[in-house]
Amino acid sequence: LPYYAARGASDAGGMSIGFSPAVSLREHLRKYRLPFDCYDFINFTG
């Protein structure tokens, strides 16, 4: 559901910021297997 919300904001031309549990993009994609395509910025919280 958070991803669908981010898609809605992105499709409407809005700003979408994601807060990832990962420490880096590599970990975000490969360890947690989370999306990246509809975010203007991802905060890698670690």
PDB file of all heavy atoms in Angstrom:
ATOM      1  N   LEU A   1       0.803  -1.223   0.000  1.00  0.00           N
ATOM      2  CA  LEU A   1       0.000   0.000   0.000  1.00  0.00           C
ATOM      3  C   LEU A   1       0.840   1.279   0.000  1.00  0.00           C
ATOM      4  O   LEU A   1       0.493   2.229  -0.700  1.00  0.00           O
ATOM      5  CB  LEU A   1      -0.980  -0.024   1.177  1.00  0.00           C
ATOM      6  CG  LEU A   1      -2.047  -1.134   1.086  1.00  0.00           C
ATOM      7  CD1 LEU A   1      -2.932  -1.129   2.324  1.00  0.00           C
ATOM      8  CD2 LEU A   1      -2.898  -0.982  -0.169  1.00  0.00           C
ATOM      9  N   PRO A   2       1.951   1.361   0.755  1.00  0.00           N
ATOM     10  CA  PRO A   2       2.781   2.561   0.658  1.00  0.00           C
ATOM     11  C   PRO A   2       3.308   2.782  -0.762  1.00  0.00           C
ATOM     12  O   PRO A   2       3.437   3.927  -1.214  1.00  0.00           O
ATOM     13  CB  PRO A   2       3.917   2.282   1.642  1.00  0.00           C
ATOM     14  CG  PRO A   2       3.310   1.365   2.657  1.00  0.00           C
ATOM     15  CD  PRO A   2       2.424   0.474   1.846  1.00  0.00           C
ATOM     16  N   TYR A   3       3.605   1.699  -1.465  1.00  0.00           N
ATOM     17  CA  TYR A   3       4.093   1.828  -2.843  1.00  0.00           C
ATOM     18  C   TYR A   3       2.989   2.365  -3.757  1.00  0.00           C
ATOM     19  O   TYR A   3       3.249   3.226  -4.606  1.00  0.00           O
ATOM     20  CB  TYR A   3       4.586   0.481  -3.358  1.00  0.00           C
ATOM     21  CG  TYR A   3       5.077   0.534  -4.783  1.00  0.00           C
ATOM     22  CD1 TYR A   3       6.272   1.178  -5.097  1.00  0.00           C
ATOM     23  CD2 TYR A   3       4.343  -0.034  -5.817  1.00  0.00           C
ATOM     24  CE1 TYR A   3       6.720   1.240  -6.409  1.00  0.00           C
ATOM     25  CE2 TYR A   3       4.787   0.023  -7.132  1.00  0.00           C
ATOM     26  CZ  TYR A   3       5.975   0.666  -7.422  1.00  0.00           C
ATOM     27  OH  TYR A   3       6.418   0.738  -8.722  1.00  0.00           O
ATOM     28  N   TYR A   4       1.774   1.882  -3.593  1.00  0.00           N
ATOM     29  CA  TYR A   4       0.671   2.398  -4.403  1.00  0.00           C
ATOM     30  C   TYR A   4       0.445   3.888  -4.125  1.00  0.00           C
ATOM     31  O   TYR A   4       0.146   4.662  -5.042  1.00  0.00           O
ATOM     32  CB  TYR A   4      -0.605   1.606  -4.135  1.00  0.00           C
ATOM     33  CG  TYR A   4      -0.643   0.255  -4.824  1.00  0.00           C
ATOM     34  CD1 TYR A   4      -0.507  -0.922  -4.098  1.00  0.00           C
ATOM     35  CD2 TYR A   4      -0.804   0.162  -6.195  1.00  0.00           C
ATOM     36  CE1 TYR A   4      -0.534  -2.170  -4.728  1.00  0.00           C
ATOM     37  CE2 TYR A   4      -0.836  -1.067  -6.839  1.00  0.00           C
ATOM     38  CZ  TYR A   4      -0.695  -2.228  -6.099  1.00  0.00           C
ATOM     39  OH  TYR A   4      -0.715  -3.446  -6.729  1.00  0.00           O
ATOM     40  N   ALA A   5       0.585   4.283  -2.874  1.00  0.00           N
ATOM     41  CA  ALA A   5       0.453   5.700  -2.541  1.00  0.00           C
ATOM     42  C   ALA A   5       1.555   6.523  -3.218  1.00  0.00           C
ATOM     43  O   ALA A   5       1.301   7.609  -3.755  1.00  0.00           O
ATOM     44  CB  ALA A   5       0.509   5.894  -1.027  1.00  0.00           C
ATOM     45  N   ALA A   6       2.776   5.996  -3.195  1.00  0.00           N
ATOM     46  CA  ALA A   6       3.892   6.689  -3.840  1.00  0.00           C
ATOM     47  C   ALA A   6       3.677   6.780  -5.348  1.00  0.00           C
ATOM     48  O   ALA A   6       4.004   7.798  -5.976  1.00  0.00           O
ATOM     49  CB  ALA A   6       5.201   5.973  -3.525  1.00  0.00           C
ATOM     50  N   ARG A   7       3.131   5.736  -5.938  1.00  0.00           N
ATOM     51  CA  ARG A   7       2.820   5.756  -7.367  1.00  0.00           C
ATOM     52  C   ARG A   7       1.781   6.831  -7.659  1.00  0.00           C
ATOM     53  O   ARG A   7       1.885   7.555  -8.656  1.00  0.00           O
ATOM     54  CB  ARG A   7       2.288   4.389  -7.803  1.00  0.00           C
ATOM     55  CG  ARG A   7       3.326   3.297  -7.941  1.00  0.00           C
ATOM     56  CD  ARG A   7       4.118   3.429  -9.227  1.00  0.00           C
ATOM     57  NE  ARG A   7       3.250   3.396 -10.389  1.00  0.00           N
ATOM     58  CZ  ARG A   7       2.820   2.272 -10.975  1.00  0.00           C
ATOM     59  NH1 ARG A   7       3.186   1.089 -10.494  1.00  0.00           N
ATOM     60  NH2 ARG A   7       2.047   2.335 -12.049  1.00  0.00           N
ATOM     61  N   GLY A   8       0.770   6.926  -6.803  1.00  0.00           N
ATOM     62  CA  GLY A   8      -0.267   7.942  -7.003  1.00  0.00           C
ATOM     63  C   GLY A   8       0.297   9.346  -6.960  1.00  0.00           C
ATOM     64  O   GLY A   8      -0.043  10.200  -7.794  1.00  0.00           O
ATOM     65  N   ALA A   9       1.171   9.601  -5.984  1.00  0.00           N
ATOM     66  CA  ALA A   9       1.782  10.923  -5.869  1.00  0.00           C
ATOM     67  C   ALA A   9       2.684  11.219  -7.059  1.00  0.00           C
ATOM     68  O   ALA A   9       2.669  12.326  -7.614  1.00  0.00           O
ATOM     69  CB  ALA A   9       2.584  11.015  -4.568  1.00  0.00           C
ATOM     70  N   SER A  10       3.462  10.233  -7.476  1.00  0.00           N
ATOM     71  CA  SER A  10       4.375  10.410  -8.604  1.00  0.00           C
ATOM     72  C   SER A  10       3.610  10.655  -9.896  1.00  0.00           C
ATOM     73  O   SER A  10       3.951  11.552 -10.680  1.00  0.00           O
ATOM     74  CB  SER A  10       5.268   9.172  -8.751  1.00  0.00           C
ATOM     75  OG  SER A  10       6.150   9.304  -9.834  1.00  0.00           O
ATOM     76  N   ASP A  11       2.566   9.875 -10.134  1.00  0.00           N
ATOM     77  CA  ASP A  11       1.769  10.034 -11.358  1.00  0.00           C
ATOM     78  C   ASP A  11       1.081  11.394 -11.413  1.00  0.00           C
ATOM     79  O   ASP A  11       0.817  11.924 -12.499  1.00  0.00           O
ATOM     80  CB  ASP A  11       0.723   8.926 -11.461  1.00  0.00           C
ATOM     81  CG  ASP A  11       1.336   7.559 -11.761  1.00  0.00           C
ATOM     82  OD1 ASP A  11       2.530   7.513 -12.099  1.00  0.00           O
ATOM     83  OD2 ASP A  11       0.605   6.555 -11.646  1.00  0.00           O
ATOM     84  N   ALA A  12       0.797  11.959 -10.239  1.00  0.00           N
ATOM     85  CA  ALA A  12       0.144  13.271 -10.178  1.00  0.00           C
ATOM     86  C   ALA A  12       1.154  14.416 -10.221  1.00  0.00           C
ATOM     87  O   ALA A  12       0.773  15.586 -10.123  1.00  0.00           O
ATOM     88  CB  ALA A  12      -0.702  13.378  -8.913  1.00  0.00           C
ATOM     89  N   GLY A  13       2.434  14.076 -10.361  1.00  0.00           N
ATOM     90  CA  GLY A  13       3.462  15.110 -10.450  1.00  0.00           C
ATOM     91  C   GLY A  13       3.905  15.661  -9.118  1.00  0.00           C
ATOM     92  O   GLY A  13       4.504  16.748  -9.063  1.00  0.00           O
ATOM     93  N   GLY A  14       3.640  14.935  -8.029  1.00  0.00           N
ATOM     94  CA  GLY A  14       3.981  15.427  -6.703  1.00  0.00           C
ATOM     95  C   GLY A  14       5.322  14.914  -6.208  1.00  0.00           C
ATOM     96  O   GLY A  14       5.993  14.118  -6.873  1.00  0.00           O
ATOM     97  N   MET A  15       5.697  15.369  -5.029  1.00  0.00           N
ATOM     98  CA  MET A  15       6.947  14.971  -4.393  1.00  0.00           C
ATOM     99  C   MET A  15       6.708  13.744  -3.514  1.00  0.00           C
ATOM    100  O   MET A  15       5.797  13.736  -2.687  1.00  0.00           O
ATOM    101  CB  MET A  15       7.491  16.112  -3.543  1.00  0.00           C
ATOM    102  CG  MET A  15       8.737  15.784  -2.744  1.00  0.00           C
ATOM    103  SD  MET A  15      10.190  15.528  -3.770  1.00  0.00           S
ATOM    104  CE  MET A  15      10.543  17.221  -4.278  1.00  0.00           C
ATOM    105  N   SER A  16       7.529  12.713  -3.702  1.00  0.00           N
ATOM    106  CA  SER A  16       7.406  11.487  -2.924  1.00  0.00           C
ATOM    107  C   SER A  16       8.752  11.145  -2.311  1.00  0.00           C
ATOM    108  O   SER A  16       9.741  10.965  -3.031  1.00  0.00           O
ATOM    109  CB  SER A  16       6.925  10.343  -3.824  1.00  0.00           C
ATOM    110  OG  SER A  16       6.872   9.127  -3.115  1.00  0.00           O
ATOM    111  N   ILE A  17       8.801  11.054  -0.982  1.00  0.00           N
ATOM    112  CA  ILE A  17      10.033  10.750  -0.268  1.00  0.00           C
ATOM    113  C   ILE A  17       9.872   9.428   0.478  1.00  0.00           C
ATOM    114  O   ILE A  17       8.905   9.240   1.219  1.00  0.00           O
ATOM    115  CB  ILE A  17      10.397  11.865   0.726  1.00  0.00           C
ATOM    116  CG1 ILE A  17      10.618  13.185  -0.028  1.00  0.00           C
ATOM    117  CG2 ILE A  17      11.646  11.493   1.532  1.00  0.00           C
ATOM    118  CD1 ILE A  17      10.889  14.364   0.877  1.00  0.00           C
ATOM    119  N   GLY A  18      10.817   8.516   0.272  1.00  0.00           N
ATOM    120  CA  GLY A  18      10.769   7.220   0.937  1.00  0.00           C
ATOM    121  C   GLY A  18      11.808   7.125   2.043  1.00  0.00           C
ATOM    122  O   GLY A  18      12.927   7.624   1.893  1.00  0.00           O
ATOM    123  N   PHE A  19      11.429   6.506   3.151  1.00  0.00           N
ATOM    124  CA  PHE A  19      12.340   6.276   4.273  1.00  0.00           C
ATOM    125  C   PHE A  19      12.640   4.778   4.316  1.00  0.00           C
ATOM    126  O   PHE A  19      11.802   3.985   4.715  1.00  0.00           O
ATOM    127  CB  PHE A  19      11.722   6.755   5.585  1.00  0.00           C
ATOM    128  CG  PHE A  19      11.700   8.253   5.731  1.00  0.00           C
ATOM    129  CD1 PHE A  19      10.809   9.018   4.998  1.00  0.00           C
ATOM    130  CD2 PHE A  19      12.590   8.887   6.577  1.00  0.00           C
ATOM    131  CE1 PHE A  19      10.796  10.401   5.111  1.00  0.00           C
ATOM    132  CE2 PHE A  19      12.583  10.269   6.709  1.00  0.00           C
ATOM    133  CZ  PHE A  19      11.690  11.036   5.967  1.00  0.00           C
ATOM    134  N   SER A  20      13.834   4.423   3.893  1.00  0.00           N
ATOM    135  CA  SER A  20      14.203   3.017   3.768  1.00  0.00           C
ATOM    136  C   SER A  20      14.816   2.470   5.052  1.00  0.00           C
ATOM    137  O   SER A  20      15.543   3.182   5.746  1.00  0.00           O
ATOM    138  CB  SER A  20      15.210   2.862   2.623  1.00  0.00           C
ATOM    139  OG  SER A  20      15.733   1.557   2.587  1.00  0.00           O
ATOM    140  N   PRO A  21      14.570   1.195   5.343  1.00  0.00           N
ATOM    141  CA  PRO A  21      15.241   0.565   6.497  1.00  0.00           C
ATOM    142  C   PRO A  21      16.719   0.285   6.202  1.00  0.00           C
ATOM    143  O   PRO A  21      17.492   0.002   7.116  1.00  0.00           O
ATOM    144  CB  PRO A  21      14.466  -0.739   6.676  1.00  0.00           C
ATOM    145  CG  PRO A  21      13.945  -1.052   5.307  1.00  0.00           C
ATOM    146  CD  PRO A  21      13.626   0.277   4.696  1.00  0.00           C
ATOM    147  N   ALA A  22      17.094   0.392   4.938  1.00  0.00           N
ATOM    148  CA  ALA A  22      18.445   0.038   4.515  1.00  0.00           C
ATOM    149  C   ALA A  22      19.438   1.165   4.755  1.00  0.00           C
ATOM    150  O   ALA A  22      19.068   2.324   4.947  1.00  0.00           O
ATOM    151  CB  ALA A  22      18.439  -0.323   3.033  1.00  0.00           C
ATOM    152  N   VAL A  23      20.720   0.806   4.678  1.00  0.00           N
ATOM    153  CA  VAL A  23      21.788   1.774   4.887  1.00  0.00           C
ATOM    154  C   VAL A  23      22.281   2.366   3.563  1.00  0.00           C
ATOM    155  O   VAL A  23      22.975   3.380   3.546  1.00  0.00           O
ATOM    156  CB  VAL A  23      22.951   1.128   5.659  1.00  0.00           C
ATOM    157  CG1 VAL A  23      23.718   0.140   4.786  1.00  0.00           C
ATOM    158  CG2 VAL A  23      23.884   2.185   6.234  1.00  0.00           C
ATOM    159  N   SER A  24      21.913   1.740   2.444  1.00  0.00           N
ATOM    160  CA  SER A  24      22.382   2.183   1.139  1.00  0.00           C
ATOM    161  C   SER A  24      21.421   1.711   0.060  1.00  0.00           C
ATOM    162  O   SER A  24      20.558   0.858   0.308  1.00  0.00           O
ATOM    163  CB  SER A  24      23.779   1.620   0.852  1.00  0.00           C
ATOM    164  OG  SER A  24      23.715   0.205   0.730  1.00  0.00           O
ATOM    165  N   LEU A  25      21.601   2.247  -1.142  1.00  0.00           N
ATOM    166  CA  LEU A  25      20.778   1.800  -2.262  1.00  0.00           C
ATOM    167  C   LEU A  25      21.001   0.322  -2.547  1.00  0.00           C
ATOM    168  O   LEU A  25      20.054  -0.419  -2.823  1.00  0.00           O
ATOM    169  CB  LEU A  25      21.106   2.624  -3.511  1.00  0.00           C
ATOM    170  CG  LEU A  25      20.346   2.236  -4.787  1.00  0.00           C
ATOM    171  CD1 LEU A  25      18.842   2.405  -4.589  1.00  0.00           C
ATOM    172  CD2 LEU A  25      20.836   3.060  -5.974  1.00  0.00           C
ATOM    173  N   ARG A  26      22.250  -0.131  -2.476  1.00  0.00           N
ATOM    174  CA  ARG A  26      22.557  -1.539  -2.709  1.00  0.00           C
ATOM    175  C   ARG A  26      21.778  -2.433  -1.731  1.00  0.00           C
ATOM    176  O   ARG A  26      21.170  -3.428  -2.114  1.00  0.00           O
ATOM    177  CB  ARG A  26      24.057  -1.779  -2.563  1.00  0.00           C
ATOM    178  CG  ARG A  26      24.488  -3.223  -2.838  1.00  0.00           C
ATOM    179  CD  ARG A  26      25.978  -3.397  -2.604  1.00  0.00           C
ATOM    180  NE  ARG A  26      26.744  -2.487  -3.442  1.00  0.00           N
ATOM    181  CZ  ARG A  26      27.045  -2.728  -4.720  1.00  0.00           C
ATOM    182  NH1 ARG A  26      26.641  -3.846  -5.288  1.00  0.00           N
ATOM    183  NH2 ARG A  26      27.751  -1.856  -5.397  1.00  0.00           N
ATOM    184  N   GLU A  27      21.805  -2.055  -0.449  1.00  0.00           N
ATOM    185  CA  GLU A  27      21.093  -2.848   0.552  1.00  0.00           C
ATOM    186  C   GLU A  27      19.582  -2.736   0.362  1.00  0.00           C
ATOM    187  O   GLU A  27      18.846  -3.712   0.545  1.00  0.00           O
ATOM    188  CB  GLU A  27      21.487  -2.374   1.958  1.00  0.00           C
ATOM    189  CG  GLU A  27      21.027  -3.308   3.059  1.00  0.00           C
ATOM    190  CD  GLU A  27      21.547  -2.906   4.424  1.00  0.00           C
ATOM    191  OE1 GLU A  27      20.912  -2.038   5.060  1.00  0.00           O
ATOM    192  OE2 GLU A  27      22.583  -3.442   4.855  1.00  0.00           O
ATOM    193  N   HIS A  28      19.128  -1.545   0.000  1.00  0.00           N
ATOM    194  CA  HIS A  28      17.702  -1.317  -0.249  1.00  0.00           C
ATOM    195  C   HIS A  28      17.191  -2.263  -1.328  1.00  0.00           C
ATOM    196  O   HIS A  28      16.124  -2.873  -1.177  1.00  0.00           O
ATOM    197  CB  HIS A  28      17.499   0.145  -0.679  1.00  0.00           C
ATOM    198  CG  HIS A  28      16.086   0.518  -0.981  1.00  0.00           C
ATOM    199  ND1 HIS A  28      15.184   0.865   0.004  1.00  0.00           N
ATOM    200  CD2 HIS A  28      15.415   0.614  -2.153  1.00  0.00           C
ATOM    201  CE1 HIS A  28      14.019   1.169  -0.545  1.00  0.00           C
ATOM    202  NE2 HIS A  28      14.133   1.023  -1.857  1.00  0.00           N
ATOM    203  N   LEU A  29      17.965  -2.393  -2.413  1.00  0.00           N
ATOM    204  CA  LEU A  29      17.530  -3.206  -3.543  1.00  0.00           C
ATOM    205  C   LEU A  29      17.801  -4.693  -3.351  1.00  0.00           C
ATOM    206  O   LEU A  29      16.954  -5.526  -3.684  1.00  0.00           O
ATOM    207  CB  LEU A  29      18.232  -2.729  -4.814  1.00  0.00           C
ATOM    208  CG  LEU A  29      17.927  -1.299  -5.278  1.00  0.00           C
ATOM    209  CD1 LEU A  29      18.785  -0.946  -6.479  1.00  0.00           C
ATOM    210  CD2 LEU A  29      16.449  -1.144  -5.608  1.00  0.00           C
ATOM    211  N   ARG A  30      18.969  -5.045  -2.803  1.00  0.00           N
ATOM    212  CA  ARG A  30      19.381  -6.441  -2.788  1.00  0.00           C
ATOM    213  C   ARG A  30      19.062  -7.185  -1.494  1.00  0.00           C
ATOM    214  O   ARG A  30      18.718  -8.360  -1.522  1.00  0.00           O
ATOM    215  CB  ARG A  30      20.881  -6.531  -3.097  1.00  0.00           C
ATOM    216  CG  ARG A  30      21.201  -6.065  -4.512  1.00  0.00           C
ATOM    217  CD  ARG A  30      22.630  -6.326  -4.881  1.00  0.00           C
ATOM    218  NE  ARG A  30      22.890  -5.946  -6.265  1.00  0.00           N
ATOM    219  CZ  ARG A  30      24.080  -5.996  -6.842  1.00  0.00           C
ATOM    220  NH1 ARG A  30      25.141  -6.418  -6.143  1.00  0.00           N
ATOM    221  NH2 ARG A  30      24.237  -5.638  -8.100  1.00  0.00           N
ATOM    222  N   LYS A  31      19.193  -6.503  -0.362  1.00  0.00           N
ATOM    223  CA  LYS A  31      18.867  -7.169   0.903  1.00  0.00           C
ATOM    224  C   LYS A  31      17.381  -7.083   1.207  1.00  0.00           C
ATOM    225  O   LYS A  31      16.729  -8.104   1.477  1.00  0.00           O
ATOM    226  CB  LYS A  31      19.670  -6.551   2.052  1.00  0.00           C
ATOM    227  CG  LYS A  31      19.314  -7.136   3.414  1.00  0.00           C
ATOM    228  CD  LYS A  31      20.108  -6.487   4.545  1.00  0.00           C
ATOM    229  CE  LYS A  31      19.703  -7.039   5.891  1.00  0.00           C
ATOM    230  NZ  LYS A  31      20.470  -6.417   7.008  1.00  0.00           N
ATOM    231  N   TYR A  32      16.841  -5.865   1.156  1.00  0.00           N
ATOM    232  CA  TYR A  32      15.428  -5.679   1.513  1.00  0.00           C
ATOM    233  C   TYR A  32      14.490  -5.874   0.325  1.00  0.00           C
ATOM    234  O   TYR A  32      13.292  -6.046   0.504  1.00  0.00           O
ATOM    235  CB  TYR A  32      15.222  -4.294   2.128  1.00  0.00           C
ATOM    236  CG  TYR A  32      15.819  -4.159   3.507  1.00  0.00           C
ATOM    237  CD1 TYR A  32      17.100  -3.633   3.680  1.00  0.00           C
ATOM    238  CD2 TYR A  32      15.113  -4.554   4.643  1.00  0.00           C
ATOM    239  CE1 TYR A  32      17.653  -3.504   4.946  1.00  0.00           C
ATOM    240  CE2 TYR A  32      15.656  -4.437   5.906  1.00  0.00           C
ATOM    241  CZ  TYR A  32      16.932  -3.908   6.051  1.00  0.00           C
ATOM    242  OH  TYR A  32      17.477  -3.789   7.308  1.00  0.00           O
ATOM    243  N   ARG A  33      15.050  -5.778  -0.905  1.00  0.00           N
ATOM    244  CA  ARG A  33      14.264  -5.979  -2.121  1.00  0.00           C
ATOM    245  C   ARG A  33      13.075  -5.023  -2.183  1.00  0.00           C
ATOM    246  O   ARG A  33      11.919  -5.433  -2.337  1.00  0.00           O
ATOM    247  CB  ARG A  33      13.827  -7.441  -2.244  1.00  0.00           C
ATOM    248  CG  ARG A  33      14.989  -8.424  -2.197  1.00  0.00           C
ATOM    249  CD  ARG A  33      14.528  -9.857  -2.322  1.00  0.00           C
ATOM    250  NE  ARG A  33      14.005 -10.133  -3.647  1.00  0.00           N
ATOM    251  CZ  ARG A  33      14.744 -10.450  -4.703  1.00  0.00           C
ATOM    252  NH1 ARG A  33      16.063 -10.520  -4.587  1.00  0.00           N
ATOM    253  NH2 ARG A  33      14.188 -10.699  -5.867  1.00  0.00           N
ATOM    254  N   LEU A  34      13.394  -3.740  -2.048  1.00  0.00           N
ATOM    255  CA  LEU A  34      12.373  -2.696  -2.019  1.00  0.00           C
ATOM    256  C   LEU A  34      12.437  -1.836  -3.284  1.00  0.00           C
ATOM    257  O   LEU A  34      13.478  -1.744  -3.928  1.00  0.00           O
ATOM    258  CB  LEU A  34      12.551  -1.825  -0.769  1.00  0.00           C
ATOM    259  CG  LEU A  34      12.371  -2.563   0.564  1.00  0.00           C
ATOM    260  CD1 LEU A  34      12.635  -1.623   1.730  1.00  0.00           C
ATOM    261  CD2 LEU A  34      10.984  -3.174   0.667  1.00  0.00           C
ATOM    262  N   PRO A  35      11.330  -1.179  -3.641  1.00  0.00           N
ATOM    263  CA  PRO A  35      11.269  -0.395  -4.876  1.00  0.00           C
ATOM    264  C   PRO A  35      11.999   0.943  -4.772  1.00  0.00           C
ATOM    265  O   PRO A  35      12.276   1.421  -3.675  1.00  0.00           O
ATOM    266  CB  PRO A  35       9.764  -0.186  -5.075  1.00  0.00           C
ATOM    267  CG  PRO A  35       9.209  -0.208  -3.682  1.00  0.00           C
ATOM    268  CD  PRO A  35      10.029  -1.219  -2.942  1.00  0.00           C
ATOM    269  N   PHE A  36      12.270   1.517  -5.930  1.00  0.00           N
ATOM    270  CA  PHE A  36      12.945   2.812  -5.969  1.00  0.00           C
ATOM    271  C   PHE A  36      12.356   3.749  -7.022  1.00  0.00           C
ATOM    272  O   PHE A  36      12.611   4.949  -7.015  1.00  0.00           O
ATOM    273  CB  PHE A  36      14.436   2.627  -6.295  1.00  0.00           C
ATOM    274  CG  PHE A  36      14.682   2.190  -7.712  1.00  0.00           C
ATOM    275  CD1 PHE A  36      14.953   3.133  -8.699  1.00  0.00           C
ATOM    276  CD2 PHE A  36      14.613   0.859  -8.069  1.00  0.00           C
ATOM    277  CE1 PHE A  36      15.162   2.735 -10.024  1.00  0.00           C
ATOM    278  CE2 PHE A  36      14.815   0.459  -9.383  1.00  0.00           C
ATOM    279  CZ  PHE A  36      15.097   1.396 -10.361  1.00  0.00           C
ATOM    280  N   ASP A  37      11.540   3.221  -7.931  1.00  0.00           N
ATOM    281  CA  ASP A  37      11.202   3.926  -9.165  1.00  0.00           C
ATOM    282  C   ASP A  37      10.300   5.144  -9.006  1.00  0.00           C
ATOM    283  O   ASP A  37      10.324   6.039  -9.856  1.00  0.00           O
ATOM    284  CB  ASP A  37      10.547   2.955 -10.156  1.00  0.00           C
ATOM    285  CG  ASP A  37       9.292   2.312  -9.581  1.00  0.00           C
ATOM    286  OD1 ASP A  37       9.385   1.679  -8.507  1.00  0.00           O
ATOM    287  OD2 ASP A  37       8.217   2.434 -10.203  1.00  0.00           O
ATOM    288  N   CYS A  38       9.514   5.228  -7.951  1.00  0.00           N
ATOM    289  CA  CYS A  38       8.545   6.331  -7.864  1.00  0.00           C
ATOM    290  C   CYS A  38       8.887   7.335  -6.759  1.00  0.00           C
ATOM    291  O   CYS A  38       8.034   8.105  -6.337  1.00  0.00           O
ATOM    292  CB  CYS A  38       7.133   5.790  -7.656  1.00  0.00           C
ATOM    293  SG  CYS A  38       6.969   4.701  -6.251  1.00  0.00           S
ATOM    294  N   TYR A  39      10.147   7.331  -6.334  1.00  0.00           N
ATOM    295  CA  TYR A  39      10.551   8.257  -5.275  1.00  0.00           C
ATOM    296  C   TYR A  39      11.456   9.350  -5.826  1.00  0.00           C
ATOM    297  O   TYR A  39      12.352   9.086  -6.626  1.00  0.00           O
ATOM    298  CB  TYR A  39      11.278   7.508  -4.148  1.00  0.00           C
ATOM    299  CG  TYR A  39      10.442   6.410  -3.555  1.00  0.00           C
ATOM    300  CD1 TYR A  39      10.693   5.076  -3.851  1.00  0.00           C
ATOM    301  CD2 TYR A  39       9.372   6.708  -2.714  1.00  0.00           C
ATOM    302  CE1 TYR A  39       9.904   4.073  -3.326  1.00  0.00           C
ATOM    303  CE2 TYR A  39       8.582   5.706  -2.186  1.00  0.00           C
ATOM    304  CZ  TYR A  39       8.853   4.394  -2.501  1.00  0.00           C
ATOM    305  OH  TYR A  39       8.058   3.395  -1.983  1.00  0.00           O
ATOM    306  N   ASP A  40      11.222  10.569  -5.384  1.00  0.00           N
ATOM    307  CA  ASP A  40      12.110  11.676  -5.739  1.00  0.00           C
ATOM    308  C   ASP A  40      13.376  11.633  -4.893  1.00  0.00           C
ATOM    309  O   ASP A  40      14.430  12.111  -5.314  1.00  0.00           O
ATOM    310  CB  ASP A  40      11.391  13.017  -5.523  1.00  0.00           C
ATOM    311  CG  ASP A  40      10.214  13.176  -6.459  1.00  0.00           C
ATOM    312  OD1 ASP A  40      10.444  13.513  -7.628  1.00  0.00           O
ATOM    313  OD2 ASP A  40       9.073  12.939  -6.039  1.00  0.00           O
ATOM    314  N   PHE A  41      13.247  11.073  -3.711  1.00  0.00           N
ATOM    315  CA  PHE A  41      14.394  10.973  -2.805  1.00  0.00           C
ATOM    316  C   PHE A  41      14.139   9.819  -1.852  1.00  0.00           C
ATOM    317  O   PHE A  41      13.019   9.618  -1.387  1.00  0.00           O
ATOM    318  CB  PHE A  41      14.556  12.280  -2.009  1.00  0.00           C
ATOM    319  CG  PHE A  41      15.626  12.224  -0.963  1.00  0.00           C
ATOM    320  CD1 PHE A  41      16.967  12.277  -1.309  1.00  0.00           C
ATOM    321  CD2 PHE A  41      15.299  12.102   0.382  1.00  0.00           C
ATOM    322  CE1 PHE A  41      17.960  12.218  -0.340  1.00  0.00           C
ATOM    323  CE2 PHE A  41      16.277  12.045   1.360  1.00  0.00           C
ATOM    324  CZ  PHE A  41      17.614  12.109   0.994  1.00  0.00           C
ATOM    325  N   ILE A  42      15.184   9.048  -1.572  1.00  0.00           N
ATOM    326  CA  ILE A  42      15.099   7.983  -0.579  1.00  0.00           C
ATOM    327  C   ILE A  42      16.087   8.276   0.537  1.00  0.00           C
ATOM    328  O   ILE A  42      17.282   8.470   0.291  1.00  0.00           O
ATOM    329  CB  ILE A  42      15.401   6.593  -1.181  1.00  0.00           C
ATOM    330  CG1 ILE A  42      14.370   6.239  -2.255  1.00  0.00           C
ATOM    331  CG2 ILE A  42      15.387   5.532  -0.082  1.00  0.00           C
ATOM    332  CD1 ILE A  42      14.612   4.887  -2.918  1.00  0.00           C
ATOM    333  N   ASN A  43      15.581   8.334   1.752  1.00  0.00           N
ATOM    334  CA  ASN A  43      16.409   8.522   2.938  1.00  0.00           C
ATOM    335  C   ASN A  43      16.798   7.139   3.444  1.00  0.00           C
ATOM    336  O   ASN A  43      15.962   6.392   3.945  1.00  0.00           O
ATOM    337  CB  ASN A  43      15.616   9.287   3.999  1.00  0.00           C
ATOM    338  CG  ASN A  43      16.443   9.664   5.211  1.00  0.00           C
ATOM    339  OD1 ASN A  43      17.331   8.928   5.610  1.00  0.00           O
ATOM    340  ND2 ASN A  43      16.126  10.791   5.803  1.00  0.00           N
ATOM    341  N   PHE A  44      18.070   6.785   3.293  1.00  0.00           N
ATOM    342  CA  PHE A  44      18.547   5.477   3.746  1.00  0.00           C
ATOM    343  C   PHE A  44      18.891   5.570   5.230  1.00  0.00           C
ATOM    344  O   PHE A  44      19.970   6.001   5.614  1.00  0.00           O
ATOM    345  CB  PHE A  44      19.751   5.043   2.914  1.00  0.00           C
ATOM    346  CG  PHE A  44      19.427   4.876   1.455  1.00  0.00           C
ATOM    347  CD1 PHE A  44      19.889   5.788   0.522  1.00  0.00           C
ATOM    348  CD2 PHE A  44      18.628   3.834   1.026  1.00  0.00           C
ATOM    349  CE1 PHE A  44      19.573   5.650  -0.816  1.00  0.00           C
ATOM    350  CE2 PHE A  44      18.301   3.685  -0.308  1.00  0.00           C
ATOM    351  CZ  PHE A  44      18.781   4.604  -1.238  1.00  0.00           C
ATOM    352  N   THR A  45      17.953   5.173   6.061  1.00  0.00           N
ATOM    353  CA  THR A  45      18.074   5.388   7.504  1.00  0.00           C
ATOM    354  C   THR A  45      19.045   4.412   8.169  1.00  0.00           C
ATOM    355  O   THR A  45      19.640   4.747   9.194  1.00  0.00           O
ATOM    356  CB  THR A  45      16.707   5.244   8.189  1.00  0.00           C
ATOM    357  OG1 THR A  45      16.276   3.875   8.123  1.00  0.00           O
ATOM    358  CG2 THR A  45      15.663   6.137   7.520  1.00  0.00           C
ATOM    359  N   GLY A  46      19.165   3.189   7.626  1.00  0.00           N
ATOM    360  CA  GLY A  46      19.989   2.179   8.268  1.00  0.00           C
ATOM    361  C   GLY A  46      19.445   1.717   9.608  1.00  0.00           C
ATOM    362  O   GLY A  46      20.166   1.122  10.416  1.00  0.00           O
TER     363      GLY A  46
END
